[in-house]
Amino acid sequence: MLVITLQVLLGRAVSNLPHFLSFTCDLISDSSGSGGGLYYLKGGEFSDEIKNAGIDGGACTTHRVQRLAKGAITSDKNVLFVPAAEVVAFQSRKDGVVEWLAQQRKREKRERDARQQ
């Protein structure tokens, strides 16, 4: 079996942060002090997703893409940096978060079905 361990992971938000972490957290090693972790690109706010993932928001930093590109591009996206230690800590919560996400999807489906009737 091939095992991949990364110091840095780059993700683009095609799903919410807790869901993304649930299938990528095992790829990150805790290389504290190396600047390793997750760089996650998305539009909008991160605060609810950070909270739902149980991540210490104070350990994370958010950067505007437009500012990172020094104005060379126009973008409303942000990059969230989650330190490796926070990603590794998420591993112990992964099963609970996956269960919570499944319950959220069921609730959203029931709401959609109710609106369609």
C-alpha atoms as a PDB file:
ATOM      1  CA  MET A   1       0.000   0.000   0.000  1.00  0.00           C
ATOM      2  CA  LEU A   2       1.330   3.419  -0.972  1.00  0.00           C
ATOM      3  CA  VAL A   3       1.329   5.956   1.852  1.00  0.00           C
ATOM      4  CA  ILE A   4       1.659   9.630   1.006  1.00  0.00           C
ATOM      5  CA  THR A   5       2.592  12.181   3.637  1.00  0.00           C
ATOM      6  CA  LEU A   6       2.684  15.851   2.728  1.00  0.00           C
ATOM      7  CA  GLN A   7       3.851  18.948   4.517  1.00  0.00           C
ATOM      8  CA  VAL A   8       1.662  21.259   2.434  1.00  0.00           C
ATOM      9  CA  LEU A   9      -1.704  20.614   0.822  1.00  0.00           C
ATOM     10  CA  LEU A  10      -3.499  23.017  -1.501  1.00  0.00           C
ATOM     11  CA  GLY A  11      -7.251  22.743  -1.865  1.00  0.00           C
ATOM     12  CA  ARG A  12      -9.948  24.597  -3.735  1.00  0.00           C
ATOM     13  CA  ALA A  13     -13.347  24.754  -2.121  1.00  0.00           C
ATOM     14  CA  VAL A  14     -15.634  22.528  -4.094  1.00  0.00           C
ATOM     15  CA  SER A  15     -17.060  21.381  -0.779  1.00  0.00           C
ATOM     16  CA  ASN A  16     -17.075  22.820   2.705  1.00  0.00           C
ATOM     17  CA  LEU A  17     -13.920  22.740   4.811  1.00  0.00           C
ATOM     18  CA  PRO A  18     -15.013  19.964   7.221  1.00  0.00           C
ATOM     19  CA  HIS A  19     -15.868  17.699   4.279  1.00  0.00           C
ATOM     20  CA  PHE A  20     -12.583  18.476   2.512  1.00  0.00           C
ATOM     21  CA  LEU A  21     -10.617  17.780   5.695  1.00  0.00           C
ATOM     22  CA  SER A  22     -12.460  14.493   6.250  1.00  0.00           C
ATOM     23  CA  PHE A  23     -10.816  12.965   3.189  1.00  0.00           C
ATOM     24  CA  THR A  24      -7.485  14.828   3.177  1.00  0.00           C
ATOM     25  CA  CYS A  25      -6.436  15.169   6.836  1.00  0.00           C
ATOM     26  CA  ASP A  26      -4.547  11.873   6.803  1.00  0.00           C
ATOM     27  CA  LEU A  27      -2.239  13.209   4.077  1.00  0.00           C
ATOM     28  CA  ILE A  28      -0.692  15.945   6.242  1.00  0.00           C
ATOM     29  CA  SER A  29       2.134  15.263   8.656  1.00  0.00           C
ATOM     30  CA  ASP A  30       2.605  17.345  11.782  1.00  0.00           C
ATOM     31  CA  SER A  31       5.734  19.151  10.764  1.00  0.00           C
ATOM     32  CA  SER A  32       5.346  21.883  13.352  1.00  0.00           C
ATOM     33  CA  GLY A  33       7.465  24.911  12.692  1.00  0.00           C
ATOM     34  CA  SER A  34       7.962  24.081   9.022  1.00  0.00           C
ATOM     35  CA  GLY A  35       5.145  26.289   7.753  1.00  0.00           C
ATOM     36  CA  GLY A  36       3.292  23.179   6.623  1.00  0.00           C
ATOM     37  CA  GLY A  37      -0.455  22.832   6.560  1.00  0.00           C
ATOM     38  CA  LEU A  38      -3.461  23.350   4.337  1.00  0.00           C
ATOM     39  CA  TYR A  39      -3.912  26.299   1.991  1.00  0.00           C
ATOM     40  CA  TYR A  40      -7.612  26.379   1.104  1.00  0.00           C
ATOM     41  CA  LEU A  41      -8.946  28.674  -1.636  1.00  0.00           C
ATOM     42  CA  LYS A  42     -12.563  29.817  -1.667  1.00  0.00           C
ATOM     43  CA  GLY A  43     -14.886  32.771  -1.852  1.00  0.00           C
ATOM     44  CA  GLY A  44     -16.829  34.021   1.128  1.00  0.00           C
ATOM     45  CA  GLU A  45     -16.282  33.593   4.822  1.00  0.00           C
ATOM     46  CA  PHE A  46     -14.555  30.740   6.596  1.00  0.00           C
ATOM     47  CA  SER A  47     -15.710  31.297  10.179  1.00  0.00           C
ATOM     48  CA  ASP A  48     -18.639  28.808  10.217  1.00  0.00           C
ATOM     49  CA  GLU A  49     -16.611  26.142   8.424  1.00  0.00           C
ATOM     50  CA  ILE A  50     -13.680  26.562  10.819  1.00  0.00           C
ATOM     51  CA  LYS A  51     -16.075  26.262  13.759  1.00  0.00           C
ATOM     52  CA  ASN A  52     -17.830  23.200  12.295  1.00  0.00           C
ATOM     53  CA  ALA A  53     -14.464  21.500  11.753  1.00  0.00           C
ATOM     54  CA  GLY A  54     -13.491  22.192  15.365  1.00  0.00           C
ATOM     55  CA  ILE A  55     -10.372  24.038  14.268  1.00  0.00           C
ATOM     56  CA  ASP A  56      -8.784  26.739  16.402  1.00  0.00           C
ATOM     57  CA  GLY A  57      -9.612  29.813  14.346  1.00  0.00           C
ATOM     58  CA  GLY A  58      -6.910  31.776  16.136  1.00  0.00           C
ATOM     59  CA  ALA A  59      -4.286  29.462  14.668  1.00  0.00           C
ATOM     60  CA  CYS A  60      -5.504  30.084  11.104  1.00  0.00           C
ATOM     61  CA  THR A  61      -4.817  33.010   8.833  1.00  0.00           C
ATOM     62  CA  THR A  62      -6.834  34.318   5.896  1.00  0.00           C
ATOM     63  CA  HIS A  63      -5.375  36.157   2.919  1.00  0.00           C
ATOM     64  CA  ARG A  64      -7.135  37.871   0.006  1.00  0.00           C
ATOM     65  CA  VAL A  65      -6.018  36.406  -3.322  1.00  0.00           C
ATOM     66  CA  GLN A  66      -6.000  39.839  -4.922  1.00  0.00           C
ATOM     67  CA  ARG A  67      -3.596  41.082  -2.265  1.00  0.00           C
ATOM     68  CA  LEU A  68      -1.368  38.001  -2.561  1.00  0.00           C
ATOM     69  CA  ALA A  69      -1.189  38.660  -6.301  1.00  0.00           C
ATOM     70  CA  LYS A  70      -0.303  42.294  -5.561  1.00  0.00           C
ATOM     71  CA  GLY A  71      -3.264  43.513  -7.593  1.00  0.00           C
ATOM     72  CA  ALA A  72      -2.169  41.681 -10.754  1.00  0.00           C
ATOM     73  CA  ILE A  73      -5.552  39.940 -10.821  1.00  0.00           C
ATOM     74  CA  THR A  74      -9.062  40.783  -9.706  1.00  0.00           C
ATOM     75  CA  SER A  75     -10.528  38.201  -7.356  1.00  0.00           C
ATOM     76  CA  ASP A  76     -13.007  37.980  -4.508  1.00  0.00           C
ATOM     77  CA  LYS A  77     -11.433  34.712  -3.289  1.00  0.00           C
ATOM     78  CA  ASN A  78      -9.529  34.137  -0.076  1.00  0.00           C
ATOM     79  CA  VAL A  79      -6.874  31.658   0.965  1.00  0.00           C
ATOM     80  CA  LEU A  80      -7.240  30.128   4.400  1.00  0.00           C
ATOM     81  CA  PHE A  81      -4.092  28.686   5.955  1.00  0.00           C
ATOM     82  CA  VAL A  82      -4.678  25.912   8.510  1.00  0.00           C
ATOM     83  CA  PRO A  83      -1.444  24.893  10.282  1.00  0.00           C
ATOM     84  CA  ALA A  84      -0.414  21.237  10.056  1.00  0.00           C
ATOM     85  CA  ALA A  85      -0.958  20.736  13.806  1.00  0.00           C
ATOM     86  CA  GLU A  86      -4.646  21.732  13.416  1.00  0.00           C
ATOM     87  CA  VAL A  87      -5.108  19.420  10.417  1.00  0.00           C
ATOM     88  CA  VAL A  88      -3.511  16.525  12.306  1.00  0.00           C
ATOM     89  CA  ALA A  89      -5.685  17.266  15.365  1.00  0.00           C
ATOM     90  CA  PHE A  90      -8.747  17.061  13.077  1.00  0.00           C
ATOM     91  CA  GLN A  91      -7.909  13.390  12.420  1.00  0.00           C
ATOM     92  CA  SER A  92      -9.235  12.433  15.861  1.00  0.00           C
ATOM     93  CA  ARG A  93     -12.547  14.221  15.125  1.00  0.00           C
ATOM     94  CA  LYS A  94     -12.926  13.007  11.551  1.00  0.00           C
ATOM     95  CA  ASP A  95     -15.491  10.243  12.193  1.00  0.00           C
ATOM     96  CA  GLY A  96     -17.732  12.558  14.213  1.00  0.00           C
ATOM     97  CA  VAL A  97     -17.541  15.258  11.542  1.00  0.00           C
ATOM     98  CA  VAL A  98     -18.362  12.771   8.774  1.00  0.00           C
ATOM     99  CA  GLU A  99     -21.430  11.667  10.750  1.00  0.00           C
ATOM    100  CA  TRP A 100     -22.454  15.304  11.332  1.00  0.00           C
ATOM    101  CA  LEU A 101     -22.052  16.038   7.593  1.00  0.00           C
ATOM    102  CA  ALA A 102     -24.264  13.044   6.698  1.00  0.00           C
ATOM    103  CA  GLN A 103     -26.956  14.314   9.078  1.00  0.00           C
ATOM    104  CA  GLN A 104     -26.697  17.799   7.543  1.00  0.00           C
ATOM    105  CA  ARG A 105     -27.170  16.377   4.038  1.00  0.00           C
ATOM    106  CA  LYS A 106     -30.227  14.379   5.138  1.00  0.00           C
ATOM    107  CA  ARG A 107     -31.732  17.481   6.764  1.00  0.00           C
ATOM    108  CA  GLU A 108     -31.070  19.581   3.638  1.00  0.00           C
ATOM    109  CA  LYS A 109     -32.642  16.882   1.438  1.00  0.00           C
ATOM    110  CA  ARG A 110     -35.763  16.764   3.641  1.00  0.00           C
ATOM    111  CA  GLU A 111     -36.029  20.560   3.442  1.00  0.00           C
ATOM    112  CA  ARG A 112     -35.672  20.522  -0.368  1.00  0.00           C
ATOM    113  CA  ASP A 113     -38.257  17.763  -0.674  1.00  0.00           C
ATOM    114  CA  ALA A 114     -40.676  19.661   1.573  1.00  0.00           C
ATOM    115  CA  ARG A 115     -40.292  22.817  -0.540  1.00  0.00           C
ATOM    116  CA  GLN A 116     -40.989  20.884  -3.736  1.00  0.00           C
ATOM    117  CA  GLN A 117     -44.308  19.500  -2.437  1.00  0.00           C
END
